């Protein structure tokens, strides 16, 4: 797993000074005229916005998006990696080694991605990497005219069912004119049955578990 590579890299790292882009240098990009197509929130959203702006200014949006998607997939699959990245005991040498390994795994993005990772490390924010990757993807999807739709079901849905849902939602008020839906099916047996549809920042909860919860609330309120 990648977390093992990161640990090995940190352990064998020779003492060296972390050469990180100053926080002001990276953050300054966010105040420039380039404006992301959608607003994302939280500290990870702030970093994702600054990264988008920096990548736009250096005409490196596509390679940066590809690198962040790669890193996001790695972090999503390796639960231990988040714990390592968020560890408060990481030394400057550890961070430098981890950043070098992350840059290697990203496989692209050039100086923009490297500066971004170094800034996270300098500010003790490497633990935000997963969230930044996801929110950067949200910004990129918006820039391409895509609207993300996540359909959560108790069991996997077949392509025919997903296609019908996509057609129905595409014609609804939840998707603006000229926008393209990007559909993802997630499985969560806890919802018991039905569907939970998330379109952009809106949620349509049609799950059985939600109905049971509402029924229980009504019963409890009446007692």
N, C-alpha and C. Protein backbone atom coordinates (compact mmCIF):
# COMPACT_ATOMS: atom_id res chain seq x y z
N UNK A 1 0.84 -1.20 0.00
CA UNK A 1 0.00 0.00 0.00
C UNK A 1 0.88 1.25 0.00
N UNK A 2 0.33 2.36 -0.50
CA UNK A 2 1.11 3.57 -0.62
C UNK A 2 1.56 4.10 0.73
N UNK A 3 0.75 3.86 1.78
CA UNK A 3 1.13 4.34 3.11
C UNK A 3 2.46 3.74 3.54
N UNK A 4 2.74 2.52 3.14
CA UNK A 4 4.02 1.89 3.48
C UNK A 4 5.17 2.58 2.77
N UNK A 5 4.95 2.97 1.50
CA UNK A 5 5.98 3.68 0.76
C UNK A 5 6.27 5.02 1.41
N UNK A 6 5.23 5.68 1.87
CA UNK A 6 5.39 6.97 2.52
C UNK A 6 6.18 6.83 3.81
N UNK A 7 5.85 5.79 4.59
CA UNK A 7 6.56 5.56 5.84
C UNK A 7 8.03 5.27 5.58
N UNK A 8 8.30 4.43 4.58
CA UNK A 8 9.69 4.12 4.25
C UNK A 8 10.44 5.36 3.81
N UNK A 9 9.78 6.18 2.99
CA UNK A 9 10.42 7.40 2.51
C UNK A 9 10.75 8.34 3.65
N UNK A 10 9.83 8.44 4.62
CA UNK A 10 10.04 9.32 5.77
C UNK A 10 11.17 8.81 6.66
N UNK A 11 11.27 7.48 6.80
CA UNK A 11 12.27 6.90 7.69
C UNK A 11 13.68 7.02 7.14
N UNK A 12 13.80 6.93 5.82
CA UNK A 12 15.14 6.96 5.24
C UNK A 12 15.55 8.35 4.79
N UNK A 13 14.66 9.33 4.96
CA UNK A 13 14.97 10.68 4.50
C UNK A 13 16.18 11.23 5.24
N UNK A 14 17.12 11.74 4.48
CA UNK A 14 18.30 12.37 5.08
C UNK A 14 17.88 13.73 5.61
N UNK A 15 18.50 14.21 6.69
CA UNK A 15 18.15 15.52 7.22
C UNK A 15 18.27 16.58 6.15
N UNK A 16 17.22 17.31 5.92
CA UNK A 16 17.25 18.38 4.94
C UNK A 16 16.17 19.38 5.28
N UNK A 17 16.33 20.53 4.74
CA UNK A 17 15.36 21.60 5.00
C UNK A 17 14.25 21.54 3.96
N UNK A 18 13.03 21.64 4.41
CA UNK A 18 11.89 21.63 3.50
C UNK A 18 11.82 22.95 2.77
N UNK A 19 11.94 22.88 1.45
CA UNK A 19 11.86 24.09 0.65
C UNK A 19 10.43 24.24 0.18
N UNK A 20 9.65 25.00 0.90
CA UNK A 20 8.24 25.14 0.59
C UNK A 20 7.93 26.54 0.08
N UNK A 21 6.95 26.60 -0.81
CA UNK A 21 6.51 27.91 -1.28
C UNK A 21 5.88 28.65 -0.11
N UNK A 22 6.25 29.91 0.11
CA UNK A 22 5.66 30.66 1.21
C UNK A 22 4.15 30.67 1.11
N UNK A 23 3.51 30.64 2.26
CA UNK A 23 2.05 30.63 2.28
C UNK A 23 1.50 31.82 1.51
N UNK A 24 2.11 32.99 1.68
CA UNK A 24 1.61 34.19 1.02
C UNK A 24 1.70 34.06 -0.49
N UNK A 25 2.76 33.41 -0.98
CA UNK A 25 2.94 33.26 -2.43
C UNK A 25 1.83 32.44 -3.03
N UNK A 26 1.50 31.30 -2.40
CA UNK A 26 0.46 30.42 -2.94
C UNK A 26 -0.91 31.03 -2.77
N UNK A 27 -1.17 31.62 -1.60
CA UNK A 27 -2.48 32.20 -1.33
C UNK A 27 -2.74 33.42 -2.20
N UNK A 28 -1.67 34.10 -2.61
CA UNK A 28 -1.85 35.30 -3.41
C UNK A 28 -2.55 35.01 -4.72
N UNK A 29 -2.37 33.79 -5.21
CA UNK A 29 -3.00 33.42 -6.48
C UNK A 29 -4.51 33.49 -6.39
N UNK A 30 -5.03 33.19 -5.20
CA UNK A 30 -6.48 33.17 -5.03
C UNK A 30 -7.10 34.56 -5.12
N UNK A 31 -6.29 35.59 -4.91
CA UNK A 31 -6.81 36.94 -4.93
C UNK A 31 -6.72 37.58 -6.31
N UNK A 32 -6.17 36.84 -7.29
CA UNK A 32 -6.02 37.35 -8.64
C UNK A 32 -7.37 37.36 -9.34
N UNK A 33 -7.34 37.77 -10.65
CA UNK A 33 -8.60 37.95 -11.36
C UNK A 33 -9.28 36.63 -11.73
N UNK A 34 -8.55 35.52 -11.73
CA UNK A 34 -9.13 34.22 -12.06
C UNK A 34 -10.08 33.80 -10.94
N UNK A 35 -11.31 33.48 -11.33
CA UNK A 35 -12.31 33.10 -10.33
C UNK A 35 -12.88 31.73 -10.63
N UNK A 36 -12.86 30.81 -9.66
CA UNK A 36 -13.42 29.47 -9.87
C UNK A 36 -14.90 29.54 -10.21
N UNK A 37 -15.41 28.60 -10.99
CA UNK A 37 -16.82 28.62 -11.41
C UNK A 37 -17.80 28.26 -10.31
N UNK A 38 -17.29 27.71 -9.21
CA UNK A 38 -18.18 27.33 -8.12
C UNK A 38 -17.43 27.54 -6.80
N UNK A 39 -18.16 27.87 -5.76
CA UNK A 39 -17.56 28.10 -4.46
C UNK A 39 -17.58 26.82 -3.63
N UNK A 40 -16.43 26.49 -3.05
CA UNK A 40 -16.35 25.33 -2.16
C UNK A 40 -15.92 25.84 -0.79
N UNK A 41 -16.35 25.14 0.25
CA UNK A 41 -16.18 25.66 1.60
C UNK A 41 -15.21 24.83 2.44
N UNK A 42 -14.87 25.36 3.61
CA UNK A 42 -13.95 24.68 4.52
C UNK A 42 -12.51 25.05 4.21
N UNK A 43 -11.62 24.64 5.09
CA UNK A 43 -10.19 24.92 4.88
C UNK A 43 -9.69 24.20 3.64
N UNK A 44 -10.15 22.94 3.44
CA UNK A 44 -9.75 22.22 2.25
C UNK A 44 -10.29 22.89 0.99
N UNK A 45 -11.47 23.51 1.11
CA UNK A 45 -12.03 24.25 -0.01
C UNK A 45 -11.19 25.48 -0.35
N UNK A 46 -10.65 26.12 0.68
CA UNK A 46 -9.79 27.30 0.47
C UNK A 46 -8.54 26.90 -0.31
N UNK A 47 -7.93 25.78 0.08
CA UNK A 47 -6.74 25.30 -0.63
C UNK A 47 -7.09 24.87 -2.06
N UNK A 48 -8.22 24.22 -2.23
CA UNK A 48 -8.64 23.77 -3.55
C UNK A 48 -8.86 24.97 -4.47
N UNK A 49 -9.46 26.02 -3.94
CA UNK A 49 -9.71 27.24 -4.71
C UNK A 49 -8.40 27.91 -5.12
N UNK A 50 -7.47 28.00 -4.16
CA UNK A 50 -6.17 28.60 -4.45
C UNK A 50 -5.41 27.79 -5.50
N UNK A 51 -5.51 26.47 -5.41
CA UNK A 51 -4.84 25.61 -6.38
C UNK A 51 -5.43 25.79 -7.77
N UNK A 52 -6.76 25.87 -7.85
CA UNK A 52 -7.42 26.08 -9.14
C UNK A 52 -6.95 27.39 -9.77
N UNK A 53 -6.91 28.43 -8.96
CA UNK A 53 -6.49 29.74 -9.46
C UNK A 53 -5.05 29.72 -9.94
N UNK A 54 -4.18 29.09 -9.14
CA UNK A 54 -2.77 29.00 -9.52
C UNK A 54 -2.59 28.21 -10.81
N UNK A 55 -3.34 27.10 -10.94
CA UNK A 55 -3.24 26.26 -12.13
C UNK A 55 -3.78 27.00 -13.35
N UNK A 56 -4.86 27.77 -13.18
CA UNK A 56 -5.43 28.53 -14.29
C UNK A 56 -4.44 29.59 -14.77
N UNK A 57 -3.78 30.25 -13.83
CA UNK A 57 -2.83 31.31 -14.18
C UNK A 57 -1.61 30.76 -14.91
N UNK A 58 -1.26 29.50 -14.64
CA UNK A 58 -0.08 28.89 -15.28
C UNK A 58 -0.48 27.96 -16.43
N UNK A 59 -1.76 28.02 -16.81
CA UNK A 59 -2.28 27.18 -17.92
C UNK A 59 -1.98 25.70 -17.71
N UNK A 60 -2.14 25.25 -16.47
CA UNK A 60 -1.85 23.85 -16.16
C UNK A 60 -3.04 23.16 -15.50
N UNK A 61 -4.25 23.59 -15.83
CA UNK A 61 -5.44 23.01 -15.20
C UNK A 61 -5.58 21.52 -15.49
N UNK A 62 -5.43 21.12 -16.73
CA UNK A 62 -5.63 19.72 -17.09
C UNK A 62 -4.64 18.79 -16.41
N UNK A 63 -3.31 19.06 -16.49
CA UNK A 63 -2.37 18.18 -15.79
C UNK A 63 -2.53 18.22 -14.26
N UNK A 64 -2.92 19.39 -13.74
CA UNK A 64 -3.14 19.49 -12.29
C UNK A 64 -4.34 18.66 -11.89
N UNK A 65 -5.41 18.72 -12.68
CA UNK A 65 -6.62 17.94 -12.39
C UNK A 65 -6.32 16.45 -12.44
N UNK A 66 -5.51 16.04 -13.40
CA UNK A 66 -5.15 14.62 -13.53
C UNK A 66 -4.32 14.18 -12.33
N UNK A 67 -3.39 15.02 -11.90
CA UNK A 67 -2.53 14.70 -10.75
C UNK A 67 -3.35 14.61 -9.47
N UNK A 68 -4.28 15.56 -9.28
CA UNK A 68 -5.11 15.55 -8.08
C UNK A 68 -6.06 14.35 -8.07
N UNK A 69 -6.54 13.96 -9.24
CA UNK A 69 -7.41 12.79 -9.32
C UNK A 69 -6.64 11.54 -8.94
N UNK A 70 -5.38 11.46 -9.37
CA UNK A 70 -4.54 10.32 -9.02
C UNK A 70 -4.28 10.27 -7.52
N UNK A 71 -3.91 11.42 -6.95
CA UNK A 71 -3.65 11.47 -5.51
C UNK A 71 -4.92 11.18 -4.71
N UNK A 72 -6.05 11.69 -5.17
CA UNK A 72 -7.31 11.45 -4.48
C UNK A 72 -7.67 9.98 -4.45
N UNK A 73 -7.43 9.29 -5.57
CA UNK A 73 -7.72 7.86 -5.65
C UNK A 73 -6.82 7.08 -4.70
N UNK A 74 -5.57 7.50 -4.60
CA UNK A 74 -4.62 6.83 -3.70
C UNK A 74 -5.04 6.99 -2.24
N UNK A 75 -5.39 8.21 -1.87
CA UNK A 75 -5.78 8.48 -0.48
C UNK A 75 -7.09 7.77 -0.14
N UNK A 76 -8.02 7.73 -1.09
CA UNK A 76 -9.31 7.07 -0.86
C UNK A 76 -9.14 5.58 -0.59
N UNK A 77 -8.16 4.97 -1.25
CA UNK A 77 -7.98 3.52 -1.14
C UNK A 77 -7.12 3.11 0.06
N UNK A 78 -6.37 4.05 0.61
CA UNK A 78 -5.42 3.73 1.68
C UNK A 78 -5.79 4.49 2.96
N UNK A 79 -6.56 3.85 3.82
CA UNK A 79 -7.05 4.50 5.04
C UNK A 79 -5.92 4.95 5.97
N UNK A 80 -4.83 4.18 6.00
CA UNK A 80 -3.72 4.51 6.90
C UNK A 80 -2.97 5.76 6.44
N UNK A 81 -3.05 6.03 5.15
CA UNK A 81 -2.30 7.17 4.62
C UNK A 81 -2.78 8.49 5.22
N UNK A 82 -4.09 8.63 5.40
CA UNK A 82 -4.61 9.86 6.00
C UNK A 82 -4.07 10.07 7.40
N UNK A 83 -3.97 8.98 8.18
CA UNK A 83 -3.44 9.09 9.54
C UNK A 83 -1.98 9.54 9.51
N UNK A 84 -1.23 9.01 8.55
CA UNK A 84 0.19 9.39 8.43
C UNK A 84 0.32 10.86 8.06
N UNK A 85 -0.47 11.29 7.07
CA UNK A 85 -0.39 12.67 6.61
C UNK A 85 -0.80 13.66 7.68
N UNK A 86 -1.74 13.25 8.54
CA UNK A 86 -2.24 14.15 9.58
C UNK A 86 -1.44 14.08 10.88
N UNK A 87 -0.45 13.20 10.94
CA UNK A 87 0.31 13.02 12.18
C UNK A 87 1.03 14.31 12.58
N UNK A 88 0.83 14.79 13.80
CA UNK A 88 1.47 16.03 14.25
C UNK A 88 2.95 15.87 14.55
N UNK A 89 3.41 14.62 14.57
CA UNK A 89 4.82 14.36 14.93
C UNK A 89 5.75 14.35 13.72
N UNK A 90 5.24 14.59 12.54
CA UNK A 90 6.09 14.58 11.35
C UNK A 90 7.14 15.69 11.42
N UNK A 91 8.37 15.32 11.19
CA UNK A 91 9.44 16.31 11.20
C UNK A 91 9.52 16.99 9.84
N UNK A 92 10.33 18.02 9.75
CA UNK A 92 10.53 18.71 8.47
C UNK A 92 11.06 17.74 7.43
N UNK A 93 11.98 16.86 7.86
CA UNK A 93 12.55 15.88 6.93
C UNK A 93 11.49 14.87 6.48
N UNK A 94 10.63 14.46 7.41
CA UNK A 94 9.54 13.53 7.07
C UNK A 94 8.64 14.15 6.00
N UNK A 95 8.28 15.40 6.22
CA UNK A 95 7.38 16.08 5.29
C UNK A 95 8.00 16.21 3.90
N UNK A 96 9.30 16.53 3.88
CA UNK A 96 9.99 16.67 2.60
C UNK A 96 9.98 15.35 1.84
N UNK A 97 10.22 14.25 2.57
CA UNK A 97 10.24 12.93 1.94
C UNK A 97 8.85 12.54 1.45
N UNK A 98 7.83 12.85 2.26
CA UNK A 98 6.45 12.52 1.89
C UNK A 98 6.01 13.32 0.66
N UNK A 99 6.34 14.61 0.65
CA UNK A 99 6.00 15.44 -0.50
C UNK A 99 6.66 14.91 -1.76
N UNK A 100 7.93 14.53 -1.65
CA UNK A 100 8.65 13.99 -2.81
C UNK A 100 7.96 12.73 -3.34
N UNK A 101 7.51 11.87 -2.42
CA UNK A 101 6.83 10.64 -2.82
C UNK A 101 5.47 10.94 -3.45
N UNK A 102 4.76 11.91 -2.89
CA UNK A 102 3.45 12.29 -3.43
C UNK A 102 3.59 12.88 -4.84
N UNK A 103 4.60 13.71 -5.01
CA UNK A 103 4.85 14.30 -6.33
C UNK A 103 5.16 13.21 -7.35
N UNK A 104 5.94 12.24 -6.93
CA UNK A 104 6.28 11.11 -7.80
C UNK A 104 5.03 10.33 -8.19
N UNK A 105 4.17 10.05 -7.21
CA UNK A 105 2.96 9.28 -7.47
C UNK A 105 1.95 10.07 -8.31
N UNK A 106 1.93 11.39 -8.14
CA UNK A 106 0.99 12.23 -8.90
C UNK A 106 1.25 12.13 -10.39
N UNK A 107 2.52 12.01 -10.74
CA UNK A 107 2.89 11.79 -12.13
C UNK A 107 2.66 12.96 -13.06
N UNK A 108 2.41 14.13 -12.55
CA UNK A 108 2.18 15.29 -13.41
C UNK A 108 1.80 16.51 -12.60
N UNK A 109 1.44 17.57 -13.29
CA UNK A 109 1.06 18.79 -12.59
C UNK A 109 2.20 19.77 -12.44
N UNK A 110 3.44 19.26 -12.64
CA UNK A 110 4.59 20.13 -12.60
C UNK A 110 4.77 20.92 -11.32
N UNK A 111 5.29 22.14 -11.48
CA UNK A 111 5.61 22.99 -10.34
C UNK A 111 4.36 23.38 -9.55
N UNK A 112 3.22 23.47 -10.22
CA UNK A 112 1.99 23.88 -9.52
C UNK A 112 1.62 22.89 -8.43
N UNK A 113 1.61 21.60 -8.78
CA UNK A 113 1.26 20.56 -7.81
C UNK A 113 2.34 20.45 -6.74
N UNK A 114 3.60 20.54 -7.14
CA UNK A 114 4.70 20.46 -6.19
C UNK A 114 4.62 21.59 -5.17
N UNK A 115 4.40 22.82 -5.64
CA UNK A 115 4.29 23.96 -4.72
C UNK A 115 3.09 23.81 -3.79
N UNK A 116 2.00 23.29 -4.33
CA UNK A 116 0.79 23.07 -3.54
C UNK A 116 1.06 22.09 -2.40
N UNK A 117 1.69 20.96 -2.71
CA UNK A 117 1.98 19.95 -1.69
C UNK A 117 2.98 20.48 -0.66
N UNK A 118 3.96 21.24 -1.12
CA UNK A 118 4.94 21.81 -0.19
C UNK A 118 4.27 22.82 0.75
N UNK A 119 3.29 23.56 0.22
CA UNK A 119 2.58 24.53 1.06
C UNK A 119 1.75 23.81 2.11
N UNK A 120 1.07 22.72 1.71
CA UNK A 120 0.32 21.92 2.69
C UNK A 120 1.25 21.43 3.80
N UNK A 121 2.41 20.94 3.39
CA UNK A 121 3.37 20.41 4.37
C UNK A 121 3.86 21.51 5.31
N UNK A 122 4.20 22.65 4.75
CA UNK A 122 4.70 23.76 5.56
C UNK A 122 3.69 24.21 6.60
N UNK A 123 2.42 24.16 6.22
CA UNK A 123 1.37 24.62 7.12
C UNK A 123 0.75 23.49 7.95
N UNK A 124 1.39 22.33 7.95
CA UNK A 124 0.88 21.16 8.68
C UNK A 124 -0.54 20.80 8.25
N UNK A 125 -0.79 20.86 6.95
CA UNK A 125 -2.12 20.59 6.41
C UNK A 125 -2.14 19.40 5.44
N UNK A 126 -1.14 18.56 5.48
CA UNK A 126 -1.13 17.40 4.58
C UNK A 126 -2.34 16.51 4.82
N UNK A 127 -2.87 16.54 6.03
CA UNK A 127 -4.04 15.73 6.36
C UNK A 127 -5.29 16.18 5.62
N UNK A 128 -5.24 17.36 4.99
CA UNK A 128 -6.38 17.85 4.23
C UNK A 128 -6.36 17.39 2.77
N UNK A 129 -5.32 16.66 2.39
CA UNK A 129 -5.13 16.31 0.98
C UNK A 129 -6.35 15.65 0.36
N UNK A 130 -6.96 14.69 1.06
CA UNK A 130 -8.12 14.00 0.50
C UNK A 130 -9.26 14.97 0.21
N UNK A 131 -9.57 15.83 1.17
CA UNK A 131 -10.64 16.80 0.99
C UNK A 131 -10.34 17.79 -0.13
N UNK A 132 -9.09 18.22 -0.22
CA UNK A 132 -8.71 19.15 -1.27
C UNK A 132 -8.87 18.51 -2.64
N UNK A 133 -8.47 17.25 -2.76
CA UNK A 133 -8.61 16.53 -4.03
C UNK A 133 -10.06 16.47 -4.46
N UNK A 134 -10.94 16.14 -3.53
CA UNK A 134 -12.37 16.02 -3.85
C UNK A 134 -12.96 17.38 -4.24
N UNK A 135 -12.60 18.42 -3.52
CA UNK A 135 -13.18 19.73 -3.80
C UNK A 135 -12.58 20.36 -5.05
N UNK A 136 -11.33 20.04 -5.33
CA UNK A 136 -10.74 20.50 -6.59
C UNK A 136 -11.47 19.84 -7.77
N UNK A 137 -11.81 18.57 -7.59
CA UNK A 137 -12.56 17.85 -8.63
C UNK A 137 -13.93 18.50 -8.84
N UNK A 138 -14.55 18.95 -7.76
CA UNK A 138 -15.85 19.63 -7.85
C UNK A 138 -15.71 20.92 -8.66
N UNK A 139 -14.65 21.67 -8.42
CA UNK A 139 -14.43 22.91 -9.15
C UNK A 139 -14.18 22.62 -10.64
N UNK A 140 -13.38 21.60 -10.91
CA UNK A 140 -13.07 21.25 -12.30
C UNK A 140 -14.33 20.78 -13.03
N UNK A 141 -15.16 20.01 -12.34
CA UNK A 141 -16.40 19.53 -12.96
C UNK A 141 -17.28 20.71 -13.35
N UNK A 142 -17.35 21.70 -12.47
CA UNK A 142 -18.15 22.89 -12.76
C UNK A 142 -17.58 23.67 -13.94
N UNK A 143 -16.26 23.71 -14.03
CA UNK A 143 -15.63 24.45 -15.14
C UNK A 143 -15.89 23.76 -16.47
N UNK A 144 -16.16 22.46 -16.43
CA UNK A 144 -16.46 21.72 -17.66
C UNK A 144 -17.96 21.69 -17.95
N UNK A 145 -18.74 22.35 -17.10
CA UNK A 145 -20.18 22.36 -17.29
C UNK A 145 -20.83 21.09 -16.78
N UNK A 146 -20.14 20.38 -15.89
CA UNK A 146 -20.67 19.13 -15.34
C UNK A 146 -21.31 19.36 -13.98
N UNK A 147 -22.36 18.63 -13.73
CA UNK A 147 -23.00 18.64 -12.42
C UNK A 147 -22.93 17.22 -11.88
N UNK A 148 -22.33 17.05 -10.72
CA UNK A 148 -22.18 15.71 -10.16
C UNK A 148 -23.47 15.23 -9.52
N UNK A 149 -23.86 14.01 -9.85
CA UNK A 149 -25.02 13.39 -9.24
C UNK A 149 -24.60 12.06 -8.64
N UNK A 150 -24.75 11.94 -7.34
CA UNK A 150 -24.42 10.69 -6.66
C UNK A 150 -25.71 10.00 -6.25
N UNK A 151 -25.88 8.78 -6.71
CA UNK A 151 -27.08 8.01 -6.38
C UNK A 151 -26.67 6.90 -5.42
N UNK A 152 -27.16 6.97 -4.19
CA UNK A 152 -26.84 5.96 -3.19
C UNK A 152 -28.00 4.97 -3.10
N UNK A 153 -27.67 3.69 -3.19
CA UNK A 153 -28.69 2.64 -3.15
C UNK A 153 -28.22 1.51 -2.25
N UNK A 154 -29.16 0.69 -1.81
CA UNK A 154 -28.81 -0.43 -0.93
C UNK A 154 -28.05 -1.51 -1.70
N UNK A 155 -28.31 -1.60 -3.00
CA UNK A 155 -27.63 -2.55 -3.87
C UNK A 155 -27.21 -1.82 -5.14
N UNK A 156 -26.19 -2.32 -5.84
CA UNK A 156 -25.74 -1.66 -7.08
C UNK A 156 -26.87 -1.55 -8.10
N UNK A 157 -26.94 -0.42 -8.77
CA UNK A 157 -27.96 -0.20 -9.80
C UNK A 157 -27.38 -0.54 -11.18
N UNK A 158 -28.23 -1.09 -12.05
CA UNK A 158 -27.75 -1.42 -13.40
C UNK A 158 -27.71 -0.15 -14.25
N UNK A 159 -27.02 -0.24 -15.37
CA UNK A 159 -26.83 0.93 -16.24
C UNK A 159 -28.16 1.49 -16.76
N UNK A 160 -29.12 0.60 -17.01
CA UNK A 160 -30.42 1.04 -17.53
C UNK A 160 -31.13 1.93 -16.51
N UNK A 161 -31.10 1.53 -15.25
CA UNK A 161 -31.75 2.32 -14.19
C UNK A 161 -31.05 3.66 -14.01
N UNK A 162 -29.72 3.64 -14.02
CA UNK A 162 -28.95 4.88 -13.88
C UNK A 162 -29.23 5.83 -15.04
N UNK A 163 -29.36 5.26 -16.24
CA UNK A 163 -29.63 6.08 -17.43
C UNK A 163 -30.99 6.77 -17.30
N UNK A 164 -31.99 6.04 -16.78
CA UNK A 164 -33.33 6.61 -16.60
C UNK A 164 -33.29 7.75 -15.58
N UNK A 165 -32.55 7.53 -14.49
CA UNK A 165 -32.42 8.57 -13.47
C UNK A 165 -31.72 9.80 -14.04
N UNK A 166 -30.67 9.56 -14.82
CA UNK A 166 -29.93 10.66 -15.42
C UNK A 166 -30.83 11.49 -16.33
N UNK A 167 -31.63 10.81 -17.15
CA UNK A 167 -32.55 11.50 -18.06
C UNK A 167 -33.57 12.33 -17.29
N UNK A 168 -34.13 11.74 -16.24
CA UNK A 168 -35.15 12.43 -15.45
C UNK A 168 -34.58 13.66 -14.75
N UNK A 169 -33.43 13.51 -14.12
CA UNK A 169 -32.83 14.61 -13.37
C UNK A 169 -32.33 15.70 -14.31
N UNK A 170 -31.84 15.31 -15.49
CA UNK A 170 -31.34 16.28 -16.46
C UNK A 170 -32.40 17.29 -16.87
N UNK A 171 -33.66 16.85 -16.85
CA UNK A 171 -34.77 17.71 -17.26
C UNK A 171 -35.37 18.49 -16.09
N UNK A 172 -34.83 18.26 -14.89
CA UNK A 172 -35.39 18.89 -13.70
C UNK A 172 -34.76 20.25 -13.43
N UNK A 173 -35.29 20.91 -12.40
CA UNK A 173 -34.79 22.22 -11.98
C UNK A 173 -33.42 22.13 -11.32
N UNK A 174 -33.00 20.91 -10.99
CA UNK A 174 -31.73 20.74 -10.28
C UNK A 174 -30.52 20.89 -11.19
N UNK A 175 -30.73 20.83 -12.51
CA UNK A 175 -29.63 20.93 -13.46
C UNK A 175 -29.88 22.11 -14.40
N UNK A 176 -28.93 23.02 -14.47
CA UNK A 176 -29.09 24.18 -15.32
C UNK A 176 -28.98 23.85 -16.80
N UNK A 177 -29.46 24.75 -17.63
CA UNK A 177 -29.40 24.55 -19.08
C UNK A 177 -27.95 24.45 -19.55
N UNK A 178 -27.71 23.50 -20.43
CA UNK A 178 -26.37 23.32 -20.98
C UNK A 178 -25.42 22.56 -20.08
N UNK A 179 -25.90 22.11 -18.95
CA UNK A 179 -25.06 21.36 -18.02
C UNK A 179 -25.13 19.85 -18.32
N UNK A 180 -24.07 19.16 -17.97
CA UNK A 180 -24.00 17.72 -18.19
C UNK A 180 -23.86 17.00 -16.87
N UNK A 181 -24.70 16.00 -16.66
CA UNK A 181 -24.65 15.23 -15.41
C UNK A 181 -23.51 14.21 -15.44
N UNK A 182 -22.84 14.12 -14.31
CA UNK A 182 -21.82 13.09 -14.13
C UNK A 182 -22.32 12.18 -13.01
N UNK A 183 -22.77 10.98 -13.38
CA UNK A 183 -23.48 10.12 -12.44
C UNK A 183 -22.56 9.07 -11.80
N UNK A 184 -22.68 8.95 -10.49
CA UNK A 184 -21.94 7.95 -9.73
C UNK A 184 -22.90 7.18 -8.84
N UNK A 185 -22.76 5.87 -8.81
CA UNK A 185 -23.61 5.03 -7.96
C UNK A 185 -22.80 4.52 -6.78
N UNK A 186 -23.25 4.87 -5.58
CA UNK A 186 -22.60 4.38 -4.36
C UNK A 186 -23.55 3.44 -3.64
N UNK A 187 -23.00 2.41 -3.02
CA UNK A 187 -23.81 1.40 -2.33
C UNK A 187 -23.67 1.55 -0.82
N UNK A 188 -24.82 1.62 -0.14
CA UNK A 188 -24.84 1.72 1.32
C UNK A 188 -26.04 0.92 1.82
N UNK A 189 -25.78 -0.23 2.36
CA UNK A 189 -26.87 -1.12 2.80
C UNK A 189 -27.68 -0.52 3.96
N UNK A 190 -27.12 0.48 4.63
CA UNK A 190 -27.81 1.09 5.78
C UNK A 190 -29.10 1.80 5.38
N UNK A 191 -29.23 2.20 4.11
CA UNK A 191 -30.45 2.90 3.72
C UNK A 191 -31.62 1.92 3.53
N UNK A 192 -31.31 0.62 3.59
CA UNK A 192 -32.30 -0.48 3.53
C UNK A 192 -32.89 -0.64 2.12
N UNK A 193 -33.42 0.43 1.58
CA UNK A 193 -34.01 0.39 0.25
C UNK A 193 -34.26 1.80 -0.24
N UNK A 194 -34.78 1.95 -1.47
CA UNK A 194 -35.00 3.28 -2.00
C UNK A 194 -33.70 3.90 -2.48
N UNK A 195 -33.70 5.22 -2.60
CA UNK A 195 -32.53 5.93 -3.13
C UNK A 195 -32.28 7.23 -2.37
N UNK A 196 -31.02 7.64 -2.36
CA UNK A 196 -30.65 8.98 -1.92
C UNK A 196 -29.92 9.60 -3.09
N UNK A 197 -30.49 10.67 -3.65
CA UNK A 197 -29.91 11.31 -4.83
C UNK A 197 -29.34 12.67 -4.44
N UNK A 198 -28.05 12.85 -4.69
CA UNK A 198 -27.39 14.12 -4.41
C UNK A 198 -27.00 14.76 -5.74
N UNK A 199 -27.53 15.95 -5.98
CA UNK A 199 -27.23 16.68 -7.22
C UNK A 199 -26.63 18.02 -6.82
N UNK A 200 -25.34 18.18 -7.10
CA UNK A 200 -24.67 19.40 -6.66
C UNK A 200 -24.70 19.48 -5.15
N UNK A 201 -25.27 20.56 -4.62
CA UNK A 201 -25.36 20.71 -3.16
C UNK A 201 -26.76 20.38 -2.63
N UNK A 202 -27.58 19.71 -3.47
CA UNK A 202 -28.94 19.35 -3.04
C UNK A 202 -29.06 17.85 -2.86
N UNK A 203 -29.88 17.46 -1.88
CA UNK A 203 -30.09 16.04 -1.59
C UNK A 203 -31.56 15.71 -1.62
N UNK A 204 -31.89 14.63 -2.33
CA UNK A 204 -33.26 14.12 -2.39
C UNK A 204 -33.24 12.75 -1.73
N UNK A 205 -33.77 12.67 -0.52
CA UNK A 205 -33.72 11.43 0.25
C UNK A 205 -35.02 10.65 0.10
N UNK A 206 -34.96 9.59 -0.69
CA UNK A 206 -36.11 8.72 -0.90
C UNK A 206 -35.85 7.33 -0.33
N UNK A 207 -34.96 7.27 0.65
CA UNK A 207 -34.57 5.98 1.22
C UNK A 207 -35.60 5.45 2.21
N UNK A 208 -35.63 4.15 2.36
CA UNK A 208 -36.52 3.51 3.33
C UNK A 208 -36.12 3.91 4.74
N UNK A 209 -34.81 3.98 4.98
CA UNK A 209 -34.33 4.35 6.33
C UNK A 209 -34.81 5.73 6.71
N UNK A 210 -34.88 6.65 5.74
CA UNK A 210 -35.36 8.00 6.01
C UNK A 210 -36.84 7.98 6.37
N UNK A 211 -37.59 7.17 5.66
CA UNK A 211 -39.03 7.07 5.94
C UNK A 211 -39.28 6.48 7.32
N UNK A 212 -38.46 5.48 7.68
CA UNK A 212 -38.60 4.87 9.01
C UNK A 212 -38.28 5.89 10.09
N UNK A 213 -37.23 6.69 9.85
CA UNK A 213 -36.83 7.69 10.83
C UNK A 213 -37.94 8.72 11.02
N UNK A 214 -38.57 9.14 9.91
CA UNK A 214 -39.67 10.10 10.00
C UNK A 214 -40.86 9.50 10.75
N UNK A 215 -41.12 8.23 10.47
CA UNK A 215 -42.23 7.55 11.14
C UNK A 215 -41.96 7.45 12.63
N UNK A 216 -40.73 7.11 13.00
CA UNK A 216 -40.37 7.00 14.41
C UNK A 216 -40.50 8.35 15.11
N UNK A 217 -40.14 9.43 14.40
CA UNK A 217 -40.24 10.76 14.98
C UNK A 217 -41.70 11.11 15.25
N UNK A 218 -42.57 10.79 14.29
CA UNK A 218 -44.00 11.07 14.46
C UNK A 218 -44.55 10.31 15.65
N UNK A 219 -44.16 9.03 15.76
CA UNK A 219 -44.64 8.20 16.86
C UNK A 219 -44.14 8.72 18.21
N UNK A 220 -42.86 9.11 18.24
CA UNK A 220 -42.27 9.61 19.49
C UNK A 220 -42.89 10.93 19.90
N UNK A 221 -43.17 11.79 18.91
CA UNK A 221 -43.76 13.10 19.21
C UNK A 221 -45.19 12.97 19.71
N UNK A 222 -45.84 11.89 19.30
CA UNK A 222 -47.24 11.73 19.71
C UNK A 222 -47.39 11.06 21.07
N UNK A 223 -46.29 10.54 21.62
CA UNK A 223 -46.35 9.87 22.93
C UNK A 223 -46.17 10.88 24.05
